[in-house]
Each structure stands twice: as structure tokens, then as C-alpha cells.
């Protein structure tokens, strides 16, 4: 075996034509290092779409792994979906589901993700998901979602102003937010506004 390796090494060193025809060379005969293979990494959106396919087939573990991969790259929709999976306890191996949910809702909410802003507001309103109840923080996140047109956030915010949650009762703000929800057809908001007249 050693003799065979020695002969092979000598052939390579001496520039045997058998090897030179396989390896690319320059005009001066120097061997050129082959280019490294370029692998196209999937984009966060592509990973998200793949995760959705797993999720829709009830392959929750695979879905959560792919949502996590895209979420770690800052993909807000993946952060939202991952938060929801943690909150629902689907496909995640963690005993602290709700605290993880709040973490991922916050990451997406801070990027302006409307649904995450609403859900984070709801967590603060009831004091669950690893967050301490805070009506002022609930109001803050509801307002961000409501300004983007989230109907339930508009309704929730209007009711917080009406019920003095996080401050004094404010009927002007109550009517403002309930009117926006009512304009989008929310029957609860319509009913409450009729009672306020």
C-alpha cells in the first residue's frame, strides 16, 4: 500500500498528464483551485412558505423549526406564527410556552406587525404569557394595531377608554375608536355606540 501511495505521489509531483487533464490549469501550467460551489440559501420568505406547508399538514414540529429559522432572521410573519405556536403549545418543546410566545410577539410587534401588536396588547391586558398585567402597555400595543386598522384592537381600545382601564374614562376616545371599528362592520362596536348616544 505504501508503495502504491509513493508511486501515486510521484506521478502527481512530476505532473503526469493523467492528472493534469483532470485539474484546470493556467497557460503557464499552474493548477487552478476550483471555484467553491455556491449554494443558494433560501430566503426567510421561502423558509416561511415551507413552514406554512408543514403547518397546514399538521407537521407542527417541522413547522416550528422552520418558523424559528426564519424568525431568527427577522421575518415578522414567522415571528408571529412561532409566537402563536408557543402560545398554543403546538410543535414546540418548551415548558415555558407562554413566555416564549410573548418574546416572539414582541419581536414582530416592534417591527410593526399588526396582529402581533394586538396579541401582545391582549397578553398585557390579562397579564398572561409571561408578562405582568399592565393596562397602560395593553393600551399602547392596542393603539399601534388599531391605527393600522385592526378591528378588534379598535374595539378593545375603545372599551378600555370607556371602562377606565389604564386611565380615566374618556368618552371622546371611546367613541373615536368604537366608530372606527363600527365603520368596518364590527357589530359590538355598533351596538355600544348606539347605547352611548
N, C-alpha and C. Protein backbone atom coordinates (compact mmCIF):
# COMPACT_ATOMS: atom_id res chain seq x y z
N UNK A 1 0.82 -1.19 0.00
CA UNK A 1 0.00 0.00 0.00
C UNK A 1 0.86 1.25 0.00
N UNK A 2 1.92 1.25 0.84
CA UNK A 2 2.83 2.40 0.90
C UNK A 2 3.49 2.62 -0.45
N UNK A 3 3.82 1.52 -1.12
CA UNK A 3 4.49 1.62 -2.43
C UNK A 3 3.55 2.27 -3.44
N UNK A 4 2.27 1.88 -3.40
CA UNK A 4 1.27 2.45 -4.31
C UNK A 4 1.08 3.94 -4.05
N UNK A 5 1.01 4.34 -2.79
CA UNK A 5 0.87 5.75 -2.45
C UNK A 5 2.09 6.55 -2.90
N UNK A 6 3.29 5.95 -2.75
CA UNK A 6 4.52 6.62 -3.17
C UNK A 6 4.51 6.86 -4.68
N UNK A 7 4.11 5.84 -5.43
CA UNK A 7 4.07 5.96 -6.90
C UNK A 7 3.05 7.03 -7.30
N UNK A 8 1.90 7.02 -6.65
CA UNK A 8 0.85 7.99 -6.94
C UNK A 8 1.34 9.41 -6.65
N UNK A 9 2.02 9.57 -5.53
CA UNK A 9 2.56 10.89 -5.17
C UNK A 9 3.59 11.34 -6.18
N UNK A 10 4.44 10.46 -6.63
CA UNK A 10 5.48 10.80 -7.62
C UNK A 10 4.85 11.21 -8.95
N UNK A 11 3.77 10.52 -9.31
CA UNK A 11 3.09 10.87 -10.56
C UNK A 11 2.50 12.28 -10.48
N UNK A 12 1.92 12.58 -9.33
CA UNK A 12 1.31 13.90 -9.16
C UNK A 12 2.39 14.97 -9.18
N UNK A 13 3.47 14.74 -8.44
CA UNK A 13 4.55 15.73 -8.36
C UNK A 13 5.19 15.94 -9.72
N UNK A 14 5.37 14.89 -10.47
CA UNK A 14 6.04 15.02 -11.77
C UNK A 14 5.11 15.58 -12.84
N UNK A 15 3.85 15.79 -12.49
CA UNK A 15 2.92 16.40 -13.45
C UNK A 15 2.43 15.44 -14.49
N UNK A 16 2.17 14.23 -14.08
CA UNK A 16 1.67 13.21 -15.00
C UNK A 16 0.46 13.74 -15.76
N UNK A 17 0.44 13.51 -17.03
CA UNK A 17 -0.63 14.04 -17.88
C UNK A 17 -2.00 13.50 -17.49
N UNK A 18 -2.04 12.35 -16.88
CA UNK A 18 -3.32 11.79 -16.47
C UNK A 18 -4.01 12.73 -15.48
N UNK A 19 -3.26 13.36 -14.55
CA UNK A 19 -3.84 14.24 -13.56
C UNK A 19 -4.00 15.66 -14.08
N UNK A 20 -3.11 16.07 -14.94
CA UNK A 20 -3.19 17.44 -15.44
C UNK A 20 -4.39 17.65 -16.34
N UNK A 21 -4.86 16.58 -16.94
CA UNK A 21 -6.04 16.74 -17.79
C UNK A 21 -7.32 16.86 -16.95
N UNK A 22 -7.28 16.41 -15.72
CA UNK A 22 -8.44 16.47 -14.86
C UNK A 22 -8.54 17.82 -14.15
N UNK A 23 -7.40 18.37 -13.71
CA UNK A 23 -7.38 19.61 -12.98
C UNK A 23 -7.21 20.79 -13.92
N UNK A 24 -7.96 21.87 -13.73
CA UNK A 24 -7.80 23.04 -14.59
C UNK A 24 -6.45 23.72 -14.33
N UNK A 25 -5.86 24.25 -15.39
CA UNK A 25 -4.57 24.91 -15.26
C UNK A 25 -4.59 26.24 -16.00
N UNK A 26 -3.60 27.10 -15.64
CA UNK A 26 -3.43 28.37 -16.35
C UNK A 26 -2.53 28.11 -17.56
N UNK A 27 -2.29 29.13 -18.37
CA UNK A 27 -1.43 28.99 -19.54
C UNK A 27 -0.01 28.59 -19.15
N UNK A 28 0.40 29.03 -17.96
CA UNK A 28 1.76 28.69 -17.52
C UNK A 28 1.83 27.30 -16.89
N UNK A 29 0.70 26.58 -16.85
CA UNK A 29 0.70 25.22 -16.34
C UNK A 29 0.40 25.09 -14.87
N UNK A 30 0.12 26.19 -14.18
CA UNK A 30 -0.20 26.09 -12.76
C UNK A 30 -1.64 25.60 -12.58
N UNK A 31 -1.80 24.77 -11.58
CA UNK A 31 -3.12 24.23 -11.30
C UNK A 31 -3.97 25.31 -10.65
N UNK A 32 -5.20 25.45 -11.15
CA UNK A 32 -6.13 26.45 -10.65
C UNK A 32 -7.06 25.79 -9.64
N UNK A 33 -7.22 26.45 -8.50
CA UNK A 33 -8.13 25.95 -7.48
C UNK A 33 -9.56 26.07 -8.00
N UNK A 34 -10.28 24.96 -7.98
CA UNK A 34 -11.66 25.04 -8.47
C UNK A 34 -12.48 26.02 -7.63
N UNK A 35 -13.42 26.71 -8.29
CA UNK A 35 -14.30 27.62 -7.55
C UNK A 35 -15.12 26.84 -6.55
N UNK A 36 -15.36 27.46 -5.44
CA UNK A 36 -16.21 26.82 -4.45
C UNK A 36 -17.64 26.82 -4.97
N UNK A 37 -18.35 25.79 -4.64
CA UNK A 37 -19.72 25.65 -5.09
C UNK A 37 -20.57 26.66 -4.34
N UNK A 38 -21.32 27.43 -5.07
CA UNK A 38 -22.19 28.43 -4.45
C UNK A 38 -23.57 27.80 -4.26
N UNK A 39 -23.96 27.73 -2.99
CA UNK A 39 -25.26 27.18 -2.67
C UNK A 39 -26.18 28.35 -2.33
N UNK A 40 -27.29 28.42 -3.02
CA UNK A 40 -28.25 29.48 -2.75
C UNK A 40 -29.04 29.14 -1.51
N UNK A 41 -28.87 29.94 -0.47
CA UNK A 41 -29.62 29.74 0.75
C UNK A 41 -31.02 30.27 0.55
N UNK A 42 -32.01 29.56 1.08
CA UNK A 42 -33.38 30.06 0.94
C UNK A 42 -33.56 31.36 1.71
N UNK A 43 -34.40 32.21 1.19
CA UNK A 43 -34.70 33.49 1.85
C UNK A 43 -35.62 33.22 3.04
N UNK A 44 -35.71 34.16 3.97
CA UNK A 44 -36.67 33.97 5.07
C UNK A 44 -38.10 33.76 4.58
N UNK A 45 -38.48 34.43 3.51
CA UNK A 45 -39.84 34.25 2.96
C UNK A 45 -40.03 32.83 2.44
N UNK A 46 -39.00 32.29 1.78
CA UNK A 46 -39.09 30.91 1.27
C UNK A 46 -39.18 29.91 2.43
N UNK A 47 -38.42 30.17 3.48
CA UNK A 47 -38.47 29.30 4.67
C UNK A 47 -39.86 29.39 5.30
N UNK A 48 -40.40 30.61 5.37
CA UNK A 48 -41.74 30.81 5.92
C UNK A 48 -42.79 30.03 5.12
N UNK A 49 -42.71 30.10 3.79
CA UNK A 49 -43.67 29.38 2.95
C UNK A 49 -43.56 27.87 3.16
N UNK A 50 -42.34 27.38 3.31
CA UNK A 50 -42.14 25.96 3.58
C UNK A 50 -42.73 25.58 4.94
N UNK A 51 -42.53 26.44 5.93
CA UNK A 51 -43.08 26.20 7.26
C UNK A 51 -44.60 26.16 7.21
N UNK A 52 -45.20 27.05 6.43
CA UNK A 52 -46.67 27.05 6.29
C UNK A 52 -47.18 25.73 5.72
N UNK A 53 -46.44 25.20 4.75
CA UNK A 53 -46.84 23.91 4.17
C UNK A 53 -46.82 22.83 5.24
N UNK A 54 -45.77 22.80 6.05
CA UNK A 54 -45.71 21.83 7.15
C UNK A 54 -46.87 22.06 8.12
N UNK A 55 -47.11 23.31 8.48
CA UNK A 55 -48.16 23.64 9.43
C UNK A 55 -49.53 23.19 8.91
N UNK A 56 -49.81 23.47 7.65
CA UNK A 56 -51.10 23.12 7.07
C UNK A 56 -51.31 21.62 6.95
N UNK A 57 -50.23 20.85 7.02
CA UNK A 57 -50.33 19.39 7.00
C UNK A 57 -50.25 18.81 8.42
N UNK A 58 -50.32 19.68 9.41
CA UNK A 58 -50.24 19.30 10.83
C UNK A 58 -48.89 18.70 11.22
N UNK A 59 -47.83 19.05 10.52
CA UNK A 59 -46.47 18.66 10.91
C UNK A 59 -45.91 19.82 11.73
N UNK A 60 -46.39 19.92 12.97
CA UNK A 60 -46.11 21.10 13.78
C UNK A 60 -44.65 21.22 14.22
N UNK A 61 -43.99 20.11 14.47
CA UNK A 61 -42.58 20.19 14.89
C UNK A 61 -41.73 20.76 13.76
N UNK A 62 -41.91 20.24 12.55
CA UNK A 62 -41.16 20.76 11.41
C UNK A 62 -41.51 22.21 11.14
N UNK A 63 -42.79 22.53 11.26
CA UNK A 63 -43.23 23.91 11.02
C UNK A 63 -42.58 24.86 12.03
N UNK A 64 -42.58 24.48 13.30
CA UNK A 64 -42.00 25.36 14.32
C UNK A 64 -40.50 25.54 14.09
N UNK A 65 -39.83 24.50 13.65
CA UNK A 65 -38.39 24.61 13.39
C UNK A 65 -38.11 25.58 12.24
N UNK A 66 -38.92 25.50 11.21
CA UNK A 66 -38.71 26.40 10.07
C UNK A 66 -39.17 27.83 10.39
N UNK A 67 -40.27 27.97 11.12
CA UNK A 67 -40.67 29.32 11.55
C UNK A 67 -39.56 29.94 12.40
N UNK A 68 -38.96 29.14 13.26
CA UNK A 68 -37.87 29.63 14.11
C UNK A 68 -36.70 30.10 13.26
N UNK A 69 -36.35 29.30 12.25
CA UNK A 69 -35.23 29.66 11.38
C UNK A 69 -35.47 31.01 10.70
N UNK A 70 -36.66 31.21 10.17
CA UNK A 70 -36.98 32.48 9.51
C UNK A 70 -37.14 33.61 10.54
N UNK A 71 -37.72 33.28 11.69
CA UNK A 71 -37.93 34.29 12.74
C UNK A 71 -36.59 34.84 13.24
N UNK A 72 -35.61 33.97 13.36
CA UNK A 72 -34.29 34.41 13.82
C UNK A 72 -33.61 35.34 12.81
N UNK A 73 -34.09 35.30 11.57
CA UNK A 73 -33.58 36.20 10.53
C UNK A 73 -34.42 37.47 10.44
N UNK A 74 -35.34 37.66 11.39
CA UNK A 74 -36.11 38.89 11.45
C UNK A 74 -37.40 38.89 10.66
N UNK A 75 -37.85 37.76 10.18
CA UNK A 75 -39.09 37.67 9.39
C UNK A 75 -40.28 37.79 10.34
N UNK A 76 -40.98 38.92 10.29
CA UNK A 76 -42.02 39.21 11.28
C UNK A 76 -43.20 38.25 11.23
N UNK A 77 -43.61 37.83 10.06
CA UNK A 77 -44.73 36.89 9.96
C UNK A 77 -44.35 35.55 10.59
N UNK A 78 -43.09 35.13 10.42
CA UNK A 78 -42.62 33.89 11.06
C UNK A 78 -42.56 34.06 12.57
N UNK A 79 -42.16 35.24 13.02
CA UNK A 79 -42.12 35.51 14.46
C UNK A 79 -43.53 35.41 15.03
N UNK A 80 -44.50 35.96 14.32
CA UNK A 80 -45.89 35.89 14.76
C UNK A 80 -46.38 34.44 14.81
N UNK A 81 -46.13 33.70 13.74
CA UNK A 81 -46.58 32.30 13.68
C UNK A 81 -45.92 31.46 14.76
N UNK A 82 -44.64 31.69 14.99
CA UNK A 82 -43.92 30.96 16.02
C UNK A 82 -44.49 31.30 17.40
N UNK A 83 -44.77 32.58 17.63
CA UNK A 83 -45.37 33.00 18.90
C UNK A 83 -46.70 32.30 19.12
N UNK A 84 -47.50 32.24 18.07
CA UNK A 84 -48.80 31.58 18.17
C UNK A 84 -48.64 30.09 18.47
N UNK A 85 -47.64 29.47 17.86
CA UNK A 85 -47.40 28.05 18.13
C UNK A 85 -46.97 27.84 19.58
N UNK A 86 -46.14 28.74 20.09
CA UNK A 86 -45.75 28.65 21.50
C UNK A 86 -46.98 28.85 22.40
N UNK A 87 -47.78 29.84 22.07
CA UNK A 87 -48.95 30.12 22.90
C UNK A 87 -49.91 28.94 22.91
N UNK A 88 -50.08 28.30 21.74
CA UNK A 88 -50.98 27.15 21.61
C UNK A 88 -50.32 25.84 22.03
N UNK A 89 -48.99 25.86 22.24
CA UNK A 89 -48.26 24.64 22.62
C UNK A 89 -48.17 23.64 21.49
N UNK A 90 -48.11 24.10 20.25
CA UNK A 90 -48.06 23.21 19.09
C UNK A 90 -46.64 23.10 18.55
N UNK A 91 -46.10 21.88 18.53
CA UNK A 91 -44.83 21.61 17.87
C UNK A 91 -43.61 22.20 18.54
N UNK A 92 -43.73 22.64 19.76
CA UNK A 92 -42.60 23.25 20.46
C UNK A 92 -42.28 22.43 21.70
N UNK A 93 -41.01 22.31 21.97
CA UNK A 93 -40.56 21.53 23.12
C UNK A 93 -40.05 22.50 24.18
N UNK A 94 -40.99 23.03 24.94
CA UNK A 94 -40.63 24.02 25.93
C UNK A 94 -41.71 24.03 27.01
N UNK A 95 -41.30 24.05 28.24
CA UNK A 95 -42.27 24.09 29.33
C UNK A 95 -42.75 25.51 29.60
N UNK A 96 -42.09 26.48 29.00
CA UNK A 96 -42.43 27.88 29.24
C UNK A 96 -43.05 28.48 27.98
N UNK A 97 -44.12 27.82 27.52
CA UNK A 97 -44.74 28.20 26.25
C UNK A 97 -45.10 29.67 26.17
N UNK A 98 -45.83 30.15 27.15
CA UNK A 98 -46.38 31.49 27.04
C UNK A 98 -45.33 32.58 27.13
N UNK A 99 -44.26 32.38 27.89
CA UNK A 99 -43.20 33.40 27.94
C UNK A 99 -42.49 33.49 26.59
N UNK A 100 -42.29 32.36 25.94
CA UNK A 100 -41.69 32.37 24.60
C UNK A 100 -42.63 33.04 23.61
N UNK A 101 -43.92 32.80 23.77
CA UNK A 101 -44.91 33.44 22.90
C UNK A 101 -44.79 34.95 23.01
N UNK A 102 -44.73 35.46 24.22
CA UNK A 102 -44.63 36.91 24.42
C UNK A 102 -43.35 37.47 23.80
N UNK A 103 -42.26 36.73 23.91
CA UNK A 103 -40.98 37.17 23.33
C UNK A 103 -41.10 37.33 21.83
N UNK A 104 -41.68 36.34 21.16
CA UNK A 104 -41.78 36.40 19.70
C UNK A 104 -42.86 37.37 19.24
N UNK A 105 -43.96 37.49 19.99
CA UNK A 105 -44.95 38.51 19.65
C UNK A 105 -44.31 39.90 19.71
N UNK A 106 -43.50 40.13 20.74
CA UNK A 106 -42.86 41.44 20.92
C UNK A 106 -41.91 41.74 19.74
N UNK A 107 -41.12 40.75 19.35
CA UNK A 107 -40.18 40.97 18.24
C UNK A 107 -40.92 41.36 16.96
N UNK A 108 -42.02 40.68 16.69
CA UNK A 108 -42.80 41.01 15.49
C UNK A 108 -43.52 42.34 15.66
N UNK A 109 -44.07 42.57 16.85
CA UNK A 109 -44.80 43.82 17.12
C UNK A 109 -43.90 45.03 16.96
N UNK A 110 -42.67 44.90 17.41
CA UNK A 110 -41.72 46.01 17.30
C UNK A 110 -41.37 46.33 15.85
N UNK A 111 -41.63 45.38 14.95
CA UNK A 111 -41.42 45.62 13.52
C UNK A 111 -42.68 46.14 12.85
N UNK A 112 -43.72 46.36 13.64
CA UNK A 112 -44.96 46.89 13.08
C UNK A 112 -45.96 45.85 12.66
N UNK A 113 -45.76 44.59 13.03
CA UNK A 113 -46.70 43.52 12.66
C UNK A 113 -48.00 43.70 13.45
N UNK A 114 -49.06 44.03 12.74
CA UNK A 114 -50.33 44.41 13.35
C UNK A 114 -50.92 43.32 14.26
N UNK A 115 -51.00 42.09 13.80
CA UNK A 115 -51.57 41.01 14.61
C UNK A 115 -50.77 40.81 15.89
N UNK A 116 -49.45 40.89 15.78
CA UNK A 116 -48.59 40.71 16.96
C UNK A 116 -48.80 41.85 17.95
N UNK A 117 -49.00 43.05 17.44
CA UNK A 117 -49.26 44.18 18.33
C UNK A 117 -50.55 43.95 19.10
N UNK A 118 -51.57 43.47 18.40
CA UNK A 118 -52.84 43.18 19.07
C UNK A 118 -52.67 42.09 20.12
N UNK A 119 -52.03 40.97 19.75
CA UNK A 119 -51.87 39.86 20.68
C UNK A 119 -51.02 40.25 21.89
N UNK A 120 -49.98 41.04 21.66
CA UNK A 120 -49.16 41.49 22.78
C UNK A 120 -49.99 42.39 23.71
N UNK A 121 -50.82 43.24 23.12
CA UNK A 121 -51.73 44.06 23.93
C UNK A 121 -52.67 43.19 24.75
N UNK A 122 -53.18 42.13 24.15
CA UNK A 122 -54.08 41.23 24.87
C UNK A 122 -53.37 40.52 26.02
N UNK A 123 -52.11 40.13 25.80
CA UNK A 123 -51.35 39.49 26.88
C UNK A 123 -51.17 40.45 28.05
N UNK A 124 -50.85 41.70 27.74
CA UNK A 124 -50.70 42.69 28.80
C UNK A 124 -52.04 42.99 29.49
N UNK A 125 -53.11 42.98 28.73
CA UNK A 125 -54.42 43.28 29.31
C UNK A 125 -54.80 42.26 30.38
N UNK A 126 -54.58 40.96 30.09
CA UNK A 126 -54.96 39.93 31.05
C UNK A 126 -53.81 39.51 31.97
N UNK A 127 -52.58 39.89 31.61
CA UNK A 127 -51.44 39.50 32.44
C UNK A 127 -51.10 38.04 32.29
N UNK A 128 -51.00 37.57 31.06
CA UNK A 128 -50.60 36.18 30.83
C UNK A 128 -49.45 36.16 29.83
N UNK A 129 -49.00 34.97 29.54
CA UNK A 129 -47.93 34.84 28.56
C UNK A 129 -46.61 35.35 29.07
N UNK A 130 -46.38 35.24 30.35
CA UNK A 130 -45.10 35.66 30.89
C UNK A 130 -44.96 37.16 31.08
N UNK A 131 -46.05 37.91 30.90
CA UNK A 131 -45.99 39.36 31.14
C UNK A 131 -46.92 39.70 32.31
N UNK A 132 -46.54 40.71 33.03
CA UNK A 132 -47.35 41.19 34.14
C UNK A 132 -48.44 42.09 33.59
N UNK A 133 -49.63 41.97 34.17
CA UNK A 133 -50.74 42.79 33.70
C UNK A 133 -50.39 44.27 33.78
N UNK A 134 -50.63 44.95 32.67
CA UNK A 134 -50.37 46.39 32.60
C UNK A 134 -51.35 46.99 31.60
N UNK A 135 -52.33 47.72 32.11
CA UNK A 135 -53.31 48.34 31.21
C UNK A 135 -52.67 49.40 30.33
N UNK A 136 -51.67 50.10 30.86
CA UNK A 136 -51.03 51.14 30.04
C UNK A 136 -50.27 50.50 28.87
N UNK A 137 -49.59 49.37 29.10
CA UNK A 137 -48.89 48.70 27.99
C UNK A 137 -49.89 48.05 27.04
N UNK A 138 -50.97 47.52 27.60
CA UNK A 138 -52.01 46.95 26.74
C UNK A 138 -52.56 48.02 25.81
N UNK A 139 -52.84 49.18 26.38
CA UNK A 139 -53.37 50.30 25.60
C UNK A 139 -52.38 50.73 24.52
N UNK A 140 -51.11 50.77 24.89
CA UNK A 140 -50.06 51.17 23.94
C UNK A 140 -50.03 50.24 22.73
N UNK A 141 -50.05 48.92 22.97
CA UNK A 141 -49.98 47.96 21.85
C UNK A 141 -51.29 47.89 21.09
N UNK A 142 -52.41 47.98 21.80
CA UNK A 142 -53.70 48.02 21.10
C UNK A 142 -53.76 49.22 20.17
N UNK A 143 -53.27 50.36 20.64
CA UNK A 143 -53.33 51.58 19.84
C UNK A 143 -52.50 51.44 18.56
N UNK A 144 -51.34 50.81 18.67
CA UNK A 144 -50.50 50.62 17.47
C UNK A 144 -51.22 49.76 16.44
N UNK A 145 -51.87 48.69 16.91
CA UNK A 145 -52.61 47.82 15.99
C UNK A 145 -53.86 48.53 15.47
N UNK A 146 -54.53 49.26 16.34
CA UNK A 146 -55.77 49.96 15.96
C UNK A 146 -55.50 51.01 14.89
N UNK A 147 -54.37 51.70 15.00
CA UNK A 147 -54.02 52.71 13.99
C UNK A 147 -53.79 52.09 12.62
N UNK A 148 -53.45 50.79 12.61
CA UNK A 148 -53.26 50.10 11.33
C UNK A 148 -54.56 49.48 10.82
N UNK A 149 -55.66 49.67 11.59
CA UNK A 149 -56.96 49.20 11.14
C UNK A 149 -57.41 47.87 11.73
N UNK A 150 -56.74 47.39 12.77
CA UNK A 150 -57.15 46.13 13.39
C UNK A 150 -58.47 46.34 14.13
N UNK A 151 -59.52 45.72 13.66
CA UNK A 151 -60.87 45.95 14.18
C UNK A 151 -60.98 45.62 15.67
N UNK A 152 -60.50 44.46 16.06
CA UNK A 152 -60.65 44.04 17.47
C UNK A 152 -59.79 44.92 18.37
N UNK A 153 -58.65 45.37 17.87
CA UNK A 153 -57.83 46.30 18.66
C UNK A 153 -58.57 47.63 18.84
N UNK A 154 -59.26 48.09 17.79
CA UNK A 154 -60.04 49.33 17.89
C UNK A 154 -61.15 49.17 18.92
N UNK A 155 -61.85 48.04 18.86
CA UNK A 155 -62.91 47.76 19.82
C UNK A 155 -62.35 47.68 21.24
N UNK A 156 -61.26 46.93 21.40
CA UNK A 156 -60.65 46.76 22.72
C UNK A 156 -60.18 48.08 23.29
N UNK A 157 -59.57 48.89 22.46
CA UNK A 157 -59.07 50.18 22.90
C UNK A 157 -60.24 51.10 23.30
N UNK A 158 -61.28 51.12 22.50
CA UNK A 158 -62.47 51.90 22.83
C UNK A 158 -63.06 51.48 24.16
N UNK A 159 -63.11 50.18 24.40
CA UNK A 159 -63.67 49.68 25.66
C UNK A 159 -62.75 49.98 26.84
N UNK A 160 -61.45 50.00 26.61
CA UNK A 160 -60.53 50.37 27.70
C UNK A 160 -60.76 51.82 28.11
N UNK A 161 -60.96 52.70 27.12
CA UNK A 161 -61.24 54.11 27.44
C UNK A 161 -62.59 54.24 28.15
N UNK A 162 -63.56 53.47 27.73
CA UNK A 162 -64.88 53.54 28.33
C UNK A 162 -64.87 53.02 29.77
N UNK A 163 -64.17 51.90 29.99
CA UNK A 163 -64.15 51.26 31.31
C UNK A 163 -63.04 51.74 32.23
N UNK A 164 -62.37 52.82 31.86
CA UNK A 164 -61.32 53.43 32.69
C UNK A 164 -60.17 52.48 32.97
N UNK A 165 -59.82 51.67 32.01
CA UNK A 165 -58.68 50.75 32.16
C UNK A 165 -57.43 51.46 31.66
N UNK A 166 -56.52 51.71 32.57
CA UNK A 166 -55.28 52.39 32.21
C UNK A 166 -55.42 53.90 32.20
N UNK A 167 -56.38 54.43 32.88
CA UNK A 167 -56.59 55.88 32.94
C UNK A 167 -58.04 56.20 33.24
N UNK A 168 -58.34 57.49 33.24
CA UNK A 168 -59.72 57.93 33.50
C UNK A 168 -60.60 57.61 32.29
N UNK A 169 -61.91 57.55 32.56
CA UNK A 169 -62.84 57.34 31.46
C UNK A 169 -62.73 58.51 30.48
N UNK A 170 -62.72 58.16 29.21
CA UNK A 170 -62.56 59.17 28.15
C UNK A 170 -63.57 58.83 27.06
N UNK A 171 -64.73 59.47 27.10
CA UNK A 171 -65.79 59.16 26.14
C UNK A 171 -65.46 59.61 24.72
N UNK A 172 -64.67 60.66 24.59
CA UNK A 172 -64.29 61.11 23.24
C UNK A 172 -63.43 60.03 22.57
N UNK A 173 -62.44 59.52 23.30
CA UNK A 173 -61.60 58.45 22.76
C UNK A 173 -62.38 57.16 22.58
N UNK A 174 -63.30 56.90 23.50
CA UNK A 174 -64.16 55.72 23.38
C UNK A 174 -64.89 55.75 22.05
N UNK A 175 -65.57 56.87 21.79
CA UNK A 175 -66.36 56.99 20.55
C UNK A 175 -65.47 56.96 19.31
N UNK A 176 -64.29 57.58 19.40
CA UNK A 176 -63.38 57.60 18.26
C UNK A 176 -63.02 56.17 17.83
N UNK A 177 -62.55 55.35 18.79
CA UNK A 177 -62.08 54.00 18.44
C UNK A 177 -63.24 53.07 18.13
N UNK A 178 -64.35 53.21 18.84
CA UNK A 178 -65.51 52.37 18.53
C UNK A 178 -66.08 52.72 17.15
N UNK A 179 -66.05 53.99 16.79
CA UNK A 179 -66.54 54.41 15.47
C UNK A 179 -65.70 53.80 14.34
N UNK A 180 -64.40 53.75 14.56
CA UNK A 180 -63.54 53.14 13.56
C UNK A 180 -63.84 51.65 13.39
N UNK A 181 -64.06 50.96 14.51
CA UNK A 181 -64.41 49.54 14.44
C UNK A 181 -65.78 49.36 13.80
N UNK A 182 -66.72 50.24 14.17
CA UNK A 182 -68.08 50.15 13.61
C UNK A 182 -68.07 50.40 12.11
N UNK A 183 -67.23 51.31 11.66
CA UNK A 183 -67.13 51.60 10.23
C UNK A 183 -66.65 50.39 9.44
N UNK A 184 -65.99 49.48 10.13
CA UNK A 184 -65.54 48.25 9.46
C UNK A 184 -66.53 47.11 9.67
N UNK A 185 -67.68 47.44 10.27
CA UNK A 185 -68.75 46.47 10.41
C UNK A 185 -68.77 45.68 11.70
N UNK A 186 -68.00 46.08 12.69
CA UNK A 186 -67.99 45.35 13.96
C UNK A 186 -69.31 45.60 14.70
N UNK A 187 -70.09 44.55 14.87
CA UNK A 187 -71.43 44.69 15.45
C UNK A 187 -71.38 45.09 16.92
N UNK A 188 -70.40 44.62 17.66
CA UNK A 188 -70.28 45.01 19.07
C UNK A 188 -70.06 46.53 19.18
N UNK A 189 -69.18 47.04 18.34
CA UNK A 189 -68.89 48.48 18.37
C UNK A 189 -70.14 49.27 18.00
N UNK A 190 -70.87 48.81 17.00
CA UNK A 190 -72.11 49.48 16.57
C UNK A 190 -73.11 49.51 17.72
N UNK A 191 -73.29 48.38 18.38
CA UNK A 191 -74.23 48.26 19.48
C UNK A 191 -73.86 49.19 20.65
N UNK A 192 -72.60 49.21 21.01
CA UNK A 192 -72.14 50.04 22.13
C UNK A 192 -72.31 51.53 21.78
N UNK A 193 -71.98 51.90 20.55
CA UNK A 193 -72.13 53.31 20.14
C UNK A 193 -73.59 53.75 20.21
N UNK A 194 -74.52 52.87 19.84
CA UNK A 194 -75.94 53.20 19.91
C UNK A 194 -76.37 53.45 21.35
N UNK A 195 -75.79 52.71 22.28
CA UNK A 195 -76.13 52.88 23.70
C UNK A 195 -75.52 54.16 24.27
N UNK A 196 -74.43 54.61 23.67
CA UNK A 196 -73.75 55.81 24.16
C UNK A 196 -74.41 57.10 23.68
N UNK A 197 -75.33 57.02 22.71
CA UNK A 197 -75.96 58.23 22.16
C UNK A 197 -76.95 58.81 23.11
